[in-house]
Amino acid sequence: MSKALKALLVKYGATFFLAVIAFVPTGRNSWDWIVAVSITAATLNYLLGDFYLLPRAGNLAASVGNGLLAALAAYVAGNMLPASSAGAGSLALFALLIAVEEYIFHMYLLRNKNVAP
């Protein structure tokens, strides 16, 4: 397995873990919804944040952008499914957690030549 694939799997796993932290305490979100939000947010962050923003704007801007993008994805998913609940507090927590995780993940990407964004 390549280093890039391992890094991407770590990104998906971390996003899922952080979504659980942010959205399970509200009690109205199904596991299916959390998995869908995690996959969507991680994919968008990988494509837009890691490939587009990170090389052009740097780590901090890309990390903040990834956090906001993940919260936006969860907000849209929350509005599409009436059985879910993505309140402002949960969305803010998710954005913050993702931004911190992405900052650390970007440092790893930038250090390793075999795992370039």
PDB file of N, CA and C in Angstrom:
ATOM      1  N   MET A   1       0.843  -1.177   0.000  1.00  0.00           N
ATOM      2  CA  MET A   1       0.000   0.000   0.000  1.00  0.00           C
ATOM      3  C   MET A   1       0.891   1.245   0.000  1.00  0.00           C
ATOM      4  N   SER A   2       0.556   2.188  -0.855  1.00  0.00           N
ATOM      5  CA  SER A   2       1.383   3.386  -0.978  1.00  0.00           C
ATOM      6  C   SER A   2       1.177   4.324   0.211  1.00  0.00           C
ATOM      7  N   LYS A   3       2.155   5.190   0.402  1.00  0.00           N
ATOM      8  CA  LYS A   3       2.066   6.154   1.494  1.00  0.00           C
ATOM      9  C   LYS A   3       0.911   7.125   1.284  1.00  0.00           C
ATOM     10  N   ALA A   4       0.644   7.470   0.033  1.00  0.00           N
ATOM     11  CA  ALA A   4      -0.461   8.394  -0.257  1.00  0.00           C
ATOM     12  C   ALA A   4      -1.803   7.764   0.119  1.00  0.00           C
ATOM     13  N   LEU A   5      -1.981   6.484  -0.193  1.00  0.00           N
ATOM     14  CA  LEU A   5      -3.223   5.805   0.147  1.00  0.00           C
ATOM     15  C   LEU A   5      -3.372   5.678   1.657  1.00  0.00           C
ATOM     16  N   LYS A   6      -2.285   5.370   2.346  1.00  0.00           N
ATOM     17  CA  LYS A   6      -2.329   5.303   3.807  1.00  0.00           C
ATOM     18  C   LYS A   6      -2.704   6.648   4.408  1.00  0.00           C
ATOM     19  N   ALA A   7      -2.131   7.720   3.882  1.00  0.00           N
ATOM     20  CA  ALA A   7      -2.449   9.059   4.378  1.00  0.00           C
ATOM     21  C   ALA A   7      -3.919   9.389   4.149  1.00  0.00           C
ATOM     22  N   LEU A   8      -4.445   9.007   3.002  1.00  0.00           N
ATOM     23  CA  LEU A   8      -5.854   9.274   2.700  1.00  0.00           C
ATOM     24  C   LEU A   8      -6.768   8.476   3.626  1.00  0.00           C
ATOM     25  N   LEU A   9      -6.421   7.238   3.914  1.00  0.00           N
ATOM     26  CA  LEU A   9      -7.209   6.433   4.844  1.00  0.00           C
ATOM     27  C   LEU A   9      -7.176   7.015   6.248  1.00  0.00           C
ATOM     28  N   VAL A  10      -6.027   7.538   6.652  1.00  0.00           N
ATOM     29  CA  VAL A  10      -5.925   8.206   7.955  1.00  0.00           C
ATOM     30  C   VAL A  10      -6.824   9.438   7.977  1.00  0.00           C
ATOM     31  N   LYS A  11      -6.846  10.187   6.878  1.00  0.00           N
ATOM     32  CA  LYS A  11      -7.693  11.375   6.772  1.00  0.00           C
ATOM     33  C   LYS A  11      -9.167  10.998   6.934  1.00  0.00           C
ATOM     34  N   TYR A  12      -9.612   9.944   6.241  1.00  0.00           N
ATOM     35  CA  TYR A  12     -10.990   9.492   6.370  1.00  0.00           C
ATOM     36  C   TYR A  12     -11.292   9.049   7.803  1.00  0.00           C
ATOM     37  N   GLY A  13     -10.389   8.291   8.394  1.00  0.00           N
ATOM     38  CA  GLY A  13     -10.596   7.825   9.767  1.00  0.00           C
ATOM     39  C   GLY A  13     -10.656   8.961  10.768  1.00  0.00           C
ATOM     40  N   ALA A  14      -9.761   9.911  10.635  1.00  0.00           N
ATOM     41  CA  ALA A  14      -9.749  11.058  11.553  1.00  0.00           C
ATOM     42  C   ALA A  14     -11.004  11.898  11.398  1.00  0.00           C
ATOM     43  N   THR A  15     -11.450  12.095  10.165  1.00  0.00           N
ATOM     44  CA  THR A  15     -12.664  12.877   9.937  1.00  0.00           C
ATOM     45  C   THR A  15     -13.869  12.174  10.546  1.00  0.00           C
ATOM     46  N   PHE A  16     -13.944  10.863  10.404  1.00  0.00           N
ATOM     47  CA  PHE A  16     -15.045  10.112  11.019  1.00  0.00           C
ATOM     48  C   PHE A  16     -15.008  10.245  12.546  1.00  0.00           C
ATOM     49  N   PHE A  17     -13.850  10.060  13.129  1.00  0.00           N
ATOM     50  CA  PHE A  17     -13.698  10.156  14.583  1.00  0.00           C
ATOM     51  C   PHE A  17     -14.126  11.540  15.088  1.00  0.00           C
ATOM     52  N   LEU A  18     -13.720  12.584  14.387  1.00  0.00           N
ATOM     53  CA  LEU A  18     -14.074  13.938  14.796  1.00  0.00           C
ATOM     54  C   LEU A  18     -15.553  14.229  14.578  1.00  0.00           C
ATOM     55  N   ALA A  19     -16.147  13.641  13.551  1.00  0.00           N
ATOM     56  CA  ALA A  19     -17.589  13.791  13.337  1.00  0.00           C
ATOM     57  C   ALA A  19     -18.369  13.121  14.467  1.00  0.00           C
ATOM     58  N   VAL A  20     -17.881  11.985  14.924  1.00  0.00           N
ATOM     59  CA  VAL A  20     -18.523  11.308  16.053  1.00  0.00           C
ATOM     60  C   VAL A  20     -18.472  12.207  17.290  1.00  0.00           C
ATOM     61  N   ILE A  21     -17.319  12.794  17.550  1.00  0.00           N
ATOM     62  CA  ILE A  21     -17.184  13.687  18.704  1.00  0.00           C
ATOM     63  C   ILE A  21     -18.134  14.878  18.598  1.00  0.00           C
ATOM     64  N   ALA A  22     -18.257  15.441  17.406  1.00  0.00           N
ATOM     65  CA  ALA A  22     -19.059  16.650  17.228  1.00  0.00           C
ATOM     66  C   ALA A  22     -20.554  16.376  17.150  1.00  0.00           C
ATOM     67  N   PHE A  23     -20.966  15.251  16.573  1.00  0.00           N
ATOM     68  CA  PHE A  23     -22.381  15.067  16.263  1.00  0.00           C
ATOM     69  C   PHE A  23     -23.113  13.991  17.052  1.00  0.00           C
ATOM     70  N   VAL A  24     -22.414  13.078  17.698  1.00  0.00           N
ATOM     71  CA  VAL A  24     -23.114  12.045  18.470  1.00  0.00           C
ATOM     72  C   VAL A  24     -23.766  12.621  19.734  1.00  0.00           C
ATOM     73  N   PRO A  25     -23.148  13.543  20.461  1.00  0.00           N
ATOM     74  CA  PRO A  25     -23.791  14.040  21.688  1.00  0.00           C
ATOM     75  C   PRO A  25     -25.169  14.677  21.481  1.00  0.00           C
ATOM     76  N   THR A  26     -25.470  15.157  20.283  1.00  0.00           N
ATOM     77  CA  THR A  26     -26.800  15.724  20.060  1.00  0.00           C
ATOM     78  C   THR A  26     -27.861  14.640  20.052  1.00  0.00           C
ATOM     79  N   GLY A  27     -27.482  13.409  19.746  1.00  0.00           N
ATOM     80  CA  GLY A  27     -28.375  12.278  19.857  1.00  0.00           C
ATOM     81  C   GLY A  27     -29.346  12.070  18.716  1.00  0.00           C
ATOM     82  N   ARG A  28     -29.423  12.980  17.776  1.00  0.00           N
ATOM     83  CA  ARG A  28     -30.388  12.846  16.684  1.00  0.00           C
ATOM     84  C   ARG A  28     -29.753  12.434  15.364  1.00  0.00           C
ATOM     85  N   ASN A  29     -28.490  12.162  15.348  1.00  0.00           N
ATOM     86  CA  ASN A  29     -27.801  11.840  14.102  1.00  0.00           C
ATOM     87  C   ASN A  29     -27.547  10.343  14.008  1.00  0.00           C
ATOM     88  N   SER A  30     -27.967   9.774  12.886  1.00  0.00           N
ATOM     89  CA  SER A  30     -27.754   8.346  12.674  1.00  0.00           C
ATOM     90  C   SER A  30     -26.294   8.104  12.297  1.00  0.00           C
ATOM     91  N   TRP A  31     -25.872   6.875  12.464  1.00  0.00           N
ATOM     92  CA  TRP A  31     -24.509   6.516  12.083  1.00  0.00           C
ATOM     93  C   TRP A  31     -24.328   6.631  10.578  1.00  0.00           C
ATOM     94  N   ASP A  32     -25.377   6.331   9.832  1.00  0.00           N
ATOM     95  CA  ASP A  32     -25.304   6.485   8.371  1.00  0.00           C
ATOM     96  C   ASP A  32     -25.019   7.932   8.000  1.00  0.00           C
ATOM     97  N   TRP A  33     -25.689   8.858   8.672  1.00  0.00           N
ATOM     98  CA  TRP A  33     -25.499  10.279   8.399  1.00  0.00           C
ATOM     99  C   TRP A  33     -24.070  10.701   8.746  1.00  0.00           C
ATOM    100  N   ILE A  34     -23.582  10.230   9.875  1.00  0.00           N
ATOM    101  CA  ILE A  34     -22.219  10.579  10.304  1.00  0.00           C
ATOM    102  C   ILE A  34     -21.189  10.027   9.318  1.00  0.00           C
ATOM    103  N   VAL A  35     -21.392   8.808   8.853  1.00  0.00           N
ATOM    104  CA  VAL A  35     -20.472   8.228   7.863  1.00  0.00           C
ATOM    105  C   VAL A  35     -20.526   9.035   6.569  1.00  0.00           C
ATOM    106  N   ALA A  36     -21.729   9.382   6.121  1.00  0.00           N
ATOM    107  CA  ALA A  36     -21.877  10.155   4.886  1.00  0.00           C
ATOM    108  C   ALA A  36     -21.217  11.529   5.004  1.00  0.00           C
ATOM    109  N   VAL A  37     -21.411  12.202   6.124  1.00  0.00           N
ATOM    110  CA  VAL A  37     -20.784  13.508   6.342  1.00  0.00           C
ATOM    111  C   VAL A  37     -19.269  13.365   6.366  1.00  0.00           C
ATOM    112  N   SER A  38     -18.775  12.330   7.015  1.00  0.00           N
ATOM    113  CA  SER A  38     -17.329  12.109   7.107  1.00  0.00           C
ATOM    114  C   SER A  38     -16.707  11.883   5.737  1.00  0.00           C
ATOM    115  N   ILE A  39     -17.322  11.039   4.944  1.00  0.00           N
ATOM    116  CA  ILE A  39     -16.789  10.745   3.618  1.00  0.00           C
ATOM    117  C   ILE A  39     -16.843  11.992   2.736  1.00  0.00           C
ATOM    118  N   THR A  40     -17.964  12.693   2.787  1.00  0.00           N
ATOM    119  CA  THR A  40     -18.111  13.902   1.971  1.00  0.00           C
ATOM    120  C   THR A  40     -17.106  14.967   2.385  1.00  0.00           C
ATOM    121  N   ALA A  41     -16.999  15.232   3.677  1.00  0.00           N
ATOM    122  CA  ALA A  41     -16.083  16.274   4.161  1.00  0.00           C
ATOM    123  C   ALA A  41     -14.631  15.917   3.858  1.00  0.00           C
ATOM    124  N   ALA A  42     -14.247  14.671   4.097  1.00  0.00           N
ATOM    125  CA  ALA A  42     -12.861  14.268   3.847  1.00  0.00           C
ATOM    126  C   ALA A  42     -12.525  14.338   2.360  1.00  0.00           C
ATOM    127  N   THR A  43     -13.459  13.942   1.518  1.00  0.00           N
ATOM    128  CA  THR A  43     -13.211  13.986   0.075  1.00  0.00           C
ATOM    129  C   THR A  43     -13.087  15.424  -0.415  1.00  0.00           C
ATOM    130  N   LEU A  44     -14.010  16.287   0.011  1.00  0.00           N
ATOM    131  CA  LEU A  44     -13.928  17.697  -0.375  1.00  0.00           C
ATOM    132  C   LEU A  44     -12.643  18.339   0.133  1.00  0.00           C
ATOM    133  N   ASN A  45     -12.289  18.035   1.376  1.00  0.00           N
ATOM    134  CA  ASN A  45     -11.066  18.602   1.940  1.00  0.00           C
ATOM    135  C   ASN A  45      -9.826  18.103   1.214  1.00  0.00           C
ATOM    136  N   TYR A  46      -9.847  16.853   0.802  1.00  0.00           N
ATOM    137  CA  TYR A  46      -8.711  16.299   0.077  1.00  0.00           C
ATOM    138  C   TYR A  46      -8.571  16.971  -1.286  1.00  0.00           C
ATOM    139  N   LEU A  47      -9.681  17.064  -2.000  1.00  0.00           N
ATOM    140  CA  LEU A  47      -9.629  17.619  -3.354  1.00  0.00           C
ATOM    141  C   LEU A  47      -9.417  19.129  -3.360  1.00  0.00           C
ATOM    142  N   LEU A  48     -10.168  19.851  -2.557  1.00  0.00           N
ATOM    143  CA  LEU A  48     -10.070  21.313  -2.569  1.00  0.00           C
ATOM    144  C   LEU A  48      -8.988  21.848  -1.635  1.00  0.00           C
ATOM    145  N   GLY A  49      -8.906  21.284  -0.445  1.00  0.00           N
ATOM    146  CA  GLY A  49      -7.946  21.790   0.531  1.00  0.00           C
ATOM    147  C   GLY A  49      -6.521  21.360   0.260  1.00  0.00           C
ATOM    148  N   ASP A  50      -6.316  20.064   0.085  1.00  0.00           N
ATOM    149  CA  ASP A  50      -4.957  19.539  -0.057  1.00  0.00           C
ATOM    150  C   ASP A  50      -4.363  19.801  -1.441  1.00  0.00           C
ATOM    151  N   PHE A  51      -5.179  19.715  -2.468  1.00  0.00           N
ATOM    152  CA  PHE A  51      -4.657  19.903  -3.823  1.00  0.00           C
ATOM    153  C   PHE A  51      -4.695  21.342  -4.306  1.00  0.00           C
ATOM    154  N   TYR A  52      -5.685  22.099  -3.881  1.00  0.00           N
ATOM    155  CA  TYR A  52      -5.821  23.464  -4.397  1.00  0.00           C
ATOM    156  C   TYR A  52      -5.324  24.518  -3.400  1.00  0.00           C
ATOM    157  N   LEU A  53      -5.899  24.534  -2.210  1.00  0.00           N
ATOM    158  CA  LEU A  53      -5.580  25.595  -1.251  1.00  0.00           C
ATOM    159  C   LEU A  53      -4.188  25.477  -0.635  1.00  0.00           C
ATOM    160  N   LEU A  54      -3.810  24.294  -0.214  1.00  0.00           N
ATOM    161  CA  LEU A  54      -2.530  24.115   0.484  1.00  0.00           C
ATOM    162  C   LEU A  54      -1.331  24.617  -0.318  1.00  0.00           C
ATOM    163  N   PRO A  55      -1.175  24.249  -1.585  1.00  0.00           N
ATOM    164  CA  PRO A  55      -0.012  24.751  -2.332  1.00  0.00           C
ATOM    165  C   PRO A  55      -0.075  26.257  -2.604  1.00  0.00           C
ATOM    166  N   ARG A  56      -1.269  26.812  -2.695  1.00  0.00           N
ATOM    167  CA  ARG A  56      -1.409  28.221  -3.068  1.00  0.00           C
ATOM    168  C   ARG A  56      -1.446  29.166  -1.868  1.00  0.00           C
ATOM    169  N   ALA A  57      -2.080  28.749  -0.784  1.00  0.00           N
ATOM    170  CA  ALA A  57      -2.318  29.667   0.332  1.00  0.00           C
ATOM    171  C   ALA A  57      -1.560  29.295   1.603  1.00  0.00           C
ATOM    172  N   GLY A  58      -1.005  28.109   1.670  1.00  0.00           N
ATOM    173  CA  GLY A  58      -0.265  27.700   2.856  1.00  0.00           C
ATOM    174  C   GLY A  58      -1.117  26.903   3.826  1.00  0.00           C
ATOM    175  N   ASN A  59      -0.469  26.409   4.858  1.00  0.00           N
ATOM    176  CA  ASN A  59      -1.087  25.481   5.792  1.00  0.00           C
ATOM    177  C   ASN A  59      -2.221  26.107   6.591  1.00  0.00           C
ATOM    178  N   LEU A  60      -2.005  27.271   7.161  1.00  0.00           N
ATOM    179  CA  LEU A  60      -3.027  27.862   8.025  1.00  0.00           C
ATOM    180  C   LEU A  60      -4.311  28.159   7.255  1.00  0.00           C
ATOM    181  N   ALA A  61      -4.193  28.808   6.105  1.00  0.00           N
ATOM    182  CA  ALA A  61      -5.373  29.132   5.306  1.00  0.00           C
ATOM    183  C   ALA A  61      -6.083  27.863   4.834  1.00  0.00           C
ATOM    184  N   ALA A  62      -5.328  26.861   4.410  1.00  0.00           N
ATOM    185  CA  ALA A  62      -5.930  25.611   3.957  1.00  0.00           C
ATOM    186  C   ALA A  62      -6.628  24.893   5.107  1.00  0.00           C
ATOM    187  N   SER A  63      -6.052  24.936   6.290  1.00  0.00           N
ATOM    188  CA  SER A  63      -6.655  24.282   7.451  1.00  0.00           C
ATOM    189  C   SER A  63      -7.964  24.953   7.850  1.00  0.00           C
ATOM    190  N   VAL A  64      -7.965  26.273   7.895  1.00  0.00           N
ATOM    191  CA  VAL A  64      -9.196  27.007   8.210  1.00  0.00           C
ATOM    192  C   VAL A  64     -10.242  26.754   7.127  1.00  0.00           C
ATOM    193  N   GLY A  65      -9.820  26.783   5.876  1.00  0.00           N
ATOM    194  CA  GLY A  65     -10.734  26.501   4.780  1.00  0.00           C
ATOM    195  C   GLY A  65     -11.318  25.101   4.857  1.00  0.00           C
ATOM    196  N   ASN A  66     -10.491  24.129   5.215  1.00  0.00           N
ATOM    197  CA  ASN A  66     -10.975  22.756   5.361  1.00  0.00           C
ATOM    198  C   ASN A  66     -11.982  22.635   6.492  1.00  0.00           C
ATOM    199  N   GLY A  67     -11.731  23.327   7.600  1.00  0.00           N
ATOM    200  CA  GLY A  67     -12.679  23.302   8.713  1.00  0.00           C
ATOM    201  C   GLY A  67     -14.024  23.885   8.313  1.00  0.00           C
ATOM    202  N   LEU A  68     -13.985  25.015   7.623  1.00  0.00           N
ATOM    203  CA  LEU A  68     -15.231  25.655   7.175  1.00  0.00           C
ATOM    204  C   LEU A  68     -15.947  24.801   6.127  1.00  0.00           C
ATOM    205  N   LEU A  69     -15.182  24.205   5.242  1.00  0.00           N
ATOM    206  CA  LEU A  69     -15.774  23.347   4.211  1.00  0.00           C
ATOM    207  C   LEU A  69     -16.432  22.114   4.827  1.00  0.00           C
ATOM    208  N   ALA A  70     -15.798  21.532   5.826  1.00  0.00           N
ATOM    209  CA  ALA A  70     -16.376  20.370   6.499  1.00  0.00           C
ATOM    210  C   ALA A  70     -17.671  20.749   7.217  1.00  0.00           C
ATOM    211  N   ALA A  71     -17.681  21.909   7.870  1.00  0.00           N
ATOM    212  CA  ALA A  71     -18.894  22.361   8.545  1.00  0.00           C
ATOM    213  C   ALA A  71     -20.003  22.650   7.533  1.00  0.00           C
ATOM    214  N   LEU A  72     -19.647  23.224   6.409  1.00  0.00           N
ATOM    215  CA  LEU A  72     -20.631  23.492   5.358  1.00  0.00           C
ATOM    216  C   LEU A  72     -21.218  22.189   4.821  1.00  0.00           C
ATOM    217  N   ALA A  73     -20.379  21.191   4.613  1.00  0.00           N
ATOM    218  CA  ALA A  73     -20.862  19.891   4.147  1.00  0.00           C
ATOM    219  C   ALA A  73     -21.829  19.282   5.161  1.00  0.00           C
ATOM    220  N   ALA A  74     -21.502  19.382   6.440  1.00  0.00           N
ATOM    221  CA  ALA A  74     -22.388  18.844   7.483  1.00  0.00           C
ATOM    222  C   ALA A  74     -23.687  19.643   7.561  1.00  0.00           C
ATOM    223  N   TYR A  75     -23.601  20.946   7.377  1.00  0.00           N
ATOM    224  CA  TYR A  75     -24.796  21.792   7.400  1.00  0.00           C
ATOM    225  C   TYR A  75     -25.745  21.427   6.262  1.00  0.00           C
ATOM    226  N   VAL A  76     -25.199  21.278   5.071  1.00  0.00           N
ATOM    227  CA  VAL A  76     -26.019  20.910   3.910  1.00  0.00           C
ATOM    228  C   VAL A  76     -26.633  19.521   4.125  1.00  0.00           C
ATOM    229  N   ALA A  77     -25.830  18.580   4.598  1.00  0.00           N
ATOM    230  CA  ALA A  77     -26.349  17.234   4.855  1.00  0.00           C
ATOM    231  C   ALA A  77     -27.412  17.255   5.943  1.00  0.00           C
ATOM    232  N   GLY A  78     -27.232  18.099   6.939  1.00  0.00           N
ATOM    233  CA  GLY A  78     -28.225  18.220   8.004  1.00  0.00           C
ATOM    234  C   GLY A  78     -29.541  18.790   7.524  1.00  0.00           C
ATOM    235  N   ASN A  79     -29.482  19.671   6.556  1.00  0.00           N
ATOM    236  CA  ASN A  79     -30.708  20.245   6.003  1.00  0.00           C
ATOM    237  C   ASN A  79     -31.394  19.315   5.008  1.00  0.00           C
ATOM    238  N   MET A  80     -30.644  18.397   4.437  1.00  0.00           N
ATOM    239  CA  MET A  80     -31.220  17.471   3.460  1.00  0.00           C
ATOM    240  C   MET A  80     -31.959  16.320   4.128  1.00  0.00           C
ATOM    241  N   LEU A  81     -31.539  15.962   5.308  1.00  0.00           N
ATOM    242  CA  LEU A  81     -32.160  14.841   6.010  1.00  0.00           C
ATOM    243  C   LEU A  81     -32.843  15.341   7.273  1.00  0.00           C
ATOM    244  N   PRO A  82     -34.158  15.290   7.328  1.00  0.00           N
ATOM    245  CA  PRO A  82     -34.876  15.831   8.475  1.00  0.00           C
ATOM    246  C   PRO A  82     -34.628  15.062   9.773  1.00  0.00           C
ATOM    247  N   ALA A  83     -34.151  13.832   9.688  1.00  0.00           N
ATOM    248  CA  ALA A  83     -33.919  13.037  10.886  1.00  0.00           C
ATOM    249  C   ALA A  83     -32.583  13.351  11.547  1.00  0.00           C
ATOM    250  N   SER A  84     -31.820  14.266  10.978  1.00  0.00           N
ATOM    251  CA  SER A  84     -30.517  14.601  11.554  1.00  0.00           C
ATOM    252  C   SER A  84     -30.561  15.972  12.202  1.00  0.00           C
ATOM    253  N   SER A  85     -29.556  16.224  12.997  1.00  0.00           N
ATOM    254  CA  SER A  85     -29.492  17.503  13.692  1.00  0.00           C
ATOM    255  C   SER A  85     -28.058  17.997  13.699  1.00  0.00           C
ATOM    256  N   ALA A  86     -27.812  19.053  12.952  1.00  0.00           N
ATOM    257  CA  ALA A  86     -26.482  19.655  12.928  1.00  0.00           C
ATOM    258  C   ALA A  86     -26.643  21.088  13.417  1.00  0.00           C
ATOM    259  N   GLY A  87     -26.679  21.252  14.731  1.00  0.00           N
ATOM    260  CA  GLY A  87     -26.849  22.574  15.314  1.00  0.00           C
ATOM    261  C   GLY A  87     -25.596  23.411  15.181  1.00  0.00           C
ATOM    262  N   ALA A  88     -25.735  24.690  15.474  1.00  0.00           N
ATOM    263  CA  ALA A  88     -24.622  25.628  15.332  1.00  0.00           C
ATOM    264  C   ALA A  88     -23.433  25.233  16.200  1.00  0.00           C
ATOM    265  N   GLY A  89     -23.681  24.774  17.410  1.00  0.00           N
ATOM    266  CA  GLY A  89     -22.593  24.366  18.291  1.00  0.00           C
ATOM    267  C   GLY A  89     -21.837  23.164  17.760  1.00  0.00           C
ATOM    268  N   SER A  90     -22.579  22.174  17.265  1.00  0.00           N
ATOM    269  CA  SER A  90     -21.954  20.978  16.689  1.00  0.00           C
ATOM    270  C   SER A  90     -21.158  21.322  15.443  1.00  0.00           C
ATOM    271  N   LEU A  91     -21.716  22.205  14.614  1.00  0.00           N
ATOM    272  CA  LEU A  91     -21.011  22.608  13.397  1.00  0.00           C
ATOM    273  C   LEU A  91     -19.739  23.378  13.720  1.00  0.00           C
ATOM    274  N   ALA A  92     -19.804  24.272  14.698  1.00  0.00           N
ATOM    275  CA  ALA A  92     -18.617  25.037  15.092  1.00  0.00           C
ATOM    276  C   ALA A  92     -17.545  24.119  15.667  1.00  0.00           C
ATOM    277  N   LEU A  93     -17.968  23.167  16.498  1.00  0.00           N
ATOM    278  CA  LEU A  93     -17.009  22.208  17.062  1.00  0.00           C
ATOM    279  C   LEU A  93     -16.378  21.363  15.964  1.00  0.00           C
ATOM    280  N   PHE A  94     -17.188  20.907  15.019  1.00  0.00           N
ATOM    281  CA  PHE A  94     -16.671  20.106  13.912  1.00  0.00           C
ATOM    282  C   PHE A  94     -15.666  20.910  13.092  1.00  0.00           C
ATOM    283  N   ALA A  95     -15.994  22.161  12.784  1.00  0.00           N
ATOM    284  CA  ALA A  95     -15.081  23.026  12.018  1.00  0.00           C
ATOM    285  C   ALA A  95     -13.759  23.203  12.753  1.00  0.00           C
ATOM    286  N   LEU A  96     -13.814  23.448  14.044  1.00  0.00           N
ATOM    287  CA  LEU A  96     -12.595  23.647  14.834  1.00  0.00           C
ATOM    288  C   LEU A  96     -11.756  22.371  14.880  1.00  0.00           C
ATOM    289  N   LEU A  97     -12.397  21.251  15.155  1.00  0.00           N
ATOM    290  CA  LEU A  97     -11.668  19.981  15.233  1.00  0.00           C
ATOM    291  C   LEU A  97     -11.023  19.621  13.893  1.00  0.00           C
ATOM    292  N   ILE A  98     -11.760  19.817  12.818  1.00  0.00           N
ATOM    293  CA  ILE A  98     -11.219  19.507  11.485  1.00  0.00           C
ATOM    294  C   ILE A  98     -10.063  20.440  11.158  1.00  0.00           C
ATOM    295  N   ALA A  99     -10.189  21.721  11.484  1.00  0.00           N
ATOM    296  CA  ALA A  99      -9.109  22.679  11.197  1.00  0.00           C
ATOM    297  C   ALA A  99      -7.821  22.270  11.921  1.00  0.00           C
ATOM    298  N   VAL A 100      -7.920  21.880  13.171  1.00  0.00           N
ATOM    299  CA  VAL A 100      -6.734  21.460  13.932  1.00  0.00           C
ATOM    300  C   VAL A 100      -6.155  20.175  13.345  1.00  0.00           C
ATOM    301  N   GLU A 101      -7.030  19.215  13.052  1.00  0.00           N
ATOM    302  CA  GLU A 101      -6.568  17.947  12.472  1.00  0.00           C
ATOM    303  C   GLU A 101      -5.903  18.183  11.119  1.00  0.00           C
ATOM    304  N   GLU A 102      -6.487  19.038  10.307  1.00  0.00           N
ATOM    305  CA  GLU A 102      -5.932  19.312   8.981  1.00  0.00           C
ATOM    306  C   GLU A 102      -4.592  20.048   9.076  1.00  0.00           C
ATOM    307  N   TYR A 103      -4.441  20.916  10.041  1.00  0.00           N
ATOM    308  CA  TYR A 103      -3.163  21.612  10.222  1.00  0.00           C
ATOM    309  C   TYR A 103      -2.046  20.592  10.461  1.00  0.00           C
ATOM    310  N   ILE A 104      -2.316  19.632  11.319  1.00  0.00           N
ATOM    311  CA  ILE A 104      -1.332  18.582  11.620  1.00  0.00           C
ATOM    312  C   ILE A 104      -1.126  17.683  10.399  1.00  0.00           C
ATOM    313  N   PHE A 105      -2.215  17.324   9.726  1.00  0.00           N
ATOM    314  CA  PHE A 105      -2.133  16.479   8.541  1.00  0.00           C
ATOM    315  C   PHE A 105      -1.341  17.167   7.432  1.00  0.00           C
ATOM    316  N   HIS A 106      -1.544  18.456   7.251  1.00  0.00           N
ATOM    317  CA  HIS A 106      -0.809  19.202   6.227  1.00  0.00           C
ATOM    318  C   HIS A 106       0.685  19.257   6.533  1.00  0.00           C
ATOM    319  N   MET A 107       1.046  19.378   7.818  1.00  0.00           N
ATOM    320  CA  MET A 107       2.468  19.359   8.173  1.00  0.00           C
ATOM    321  C   MET A 107       3.083  18.028   7.747  1.00  0.00           C
ATOM    322  N   TYR A 108       2.352  16.941   7.949  1.00  0.00           N
ATOM    323  CA  TYR A 108       2.830  15.627   7.518  1.00  0.00           C
ATOM    324  C   TYR A 108       2.981  15.584   5.999  1.00  0.00           C
ATOM    325  N   LEU A 109       1.964  16.066   5.275  1.00  0.00           N
ATOM    326  CA  LEU A 109       2.040  16.062   3.810  1.00  0.00           C
ATOM    327  C   LEU A 109       3.211  16.863   3.301  1.00  0.00           C
ATOM    328  N   LEU A 110       3.434  18.024   3.879  1.00  0.00           N
ATOM    329  CA  LEU A 110       4.503  18.916   3.412  1.00  0.00           C
ATOM    330  C   LEU A 110       5.891  18.359   3.722  1.00  0.00           C
ATOM    331  N   ARG A 111       6.004  17.569   4.799  1.00  0.00           N
ATOM    332  CA  ARG A 111       7.293  16.987   5.176  1.00  0.00           C
ATOM    333  C   ARG A 111       7.668  15.782   4.341  1.00  0.00           C
ATOM    334  N   ASN A 112       6.698  15.033   3.882  1.00  0.00           N
ATOM    335  CA  ASN A 112       6.956  13.784   3.180  1.00  0.00           C
ATOM    336  C   ASN A 112       6.811  13.951   1.680  1.00  0.00           C
ATOM    337  N   LYS A 113       7.890  13.769   0.983  1.00  0.00           N
ATOM    338  CA  LYS A 113       7.892  13.939  -0.467  1.00  0.00           C
ATOM    339  C   LYS A 113       7.049  12.885  -1.182  1.00  0.00           C
ATOM    340  N   ASN A 114       6.957  11.678  -0.612  1.00  0.00           N
ATOM    341  CA  ASN A 114       6.198  10.588  -1.230  1.00  0.00           C
ATOM    342  C   ASN A 114       4.690  10.745  -1.072  1.00  0.00           C
ATOM    343  N   VAL A 115       4.266  11.710  -0.248  1.00  0.00           N
ATOM    344  CA  VAL A 115       2.853  11.923   0.017  1.00  0.00           C
ATOM    345  C   VAL A 115       2.523  13.381  -0.288  1.00  0.00           C
ATOM    346  N   ALA A 116       2.872  13.815  -1.447  1.00  0.00           N
ATOM    347  CA  ALA A 116       2.640  15.219  -1.809  1.00  0.00           C
ATOM    348  C   ALA A 116       1.168  15.449  -2.088  1.00  0.00           C
ATOM    349  N   PRO A 117       0.652  16.612  -1.681  1.00  0.00           N
ATOM    350  CA  PRO A 117      -0.746  16.915  -1.975  1.00  0.00           C
ATOM    351  C   PRO A 117      -0.943  17.140  -3.473  1.00  0.00           C
TER     352      PRO A 117
END
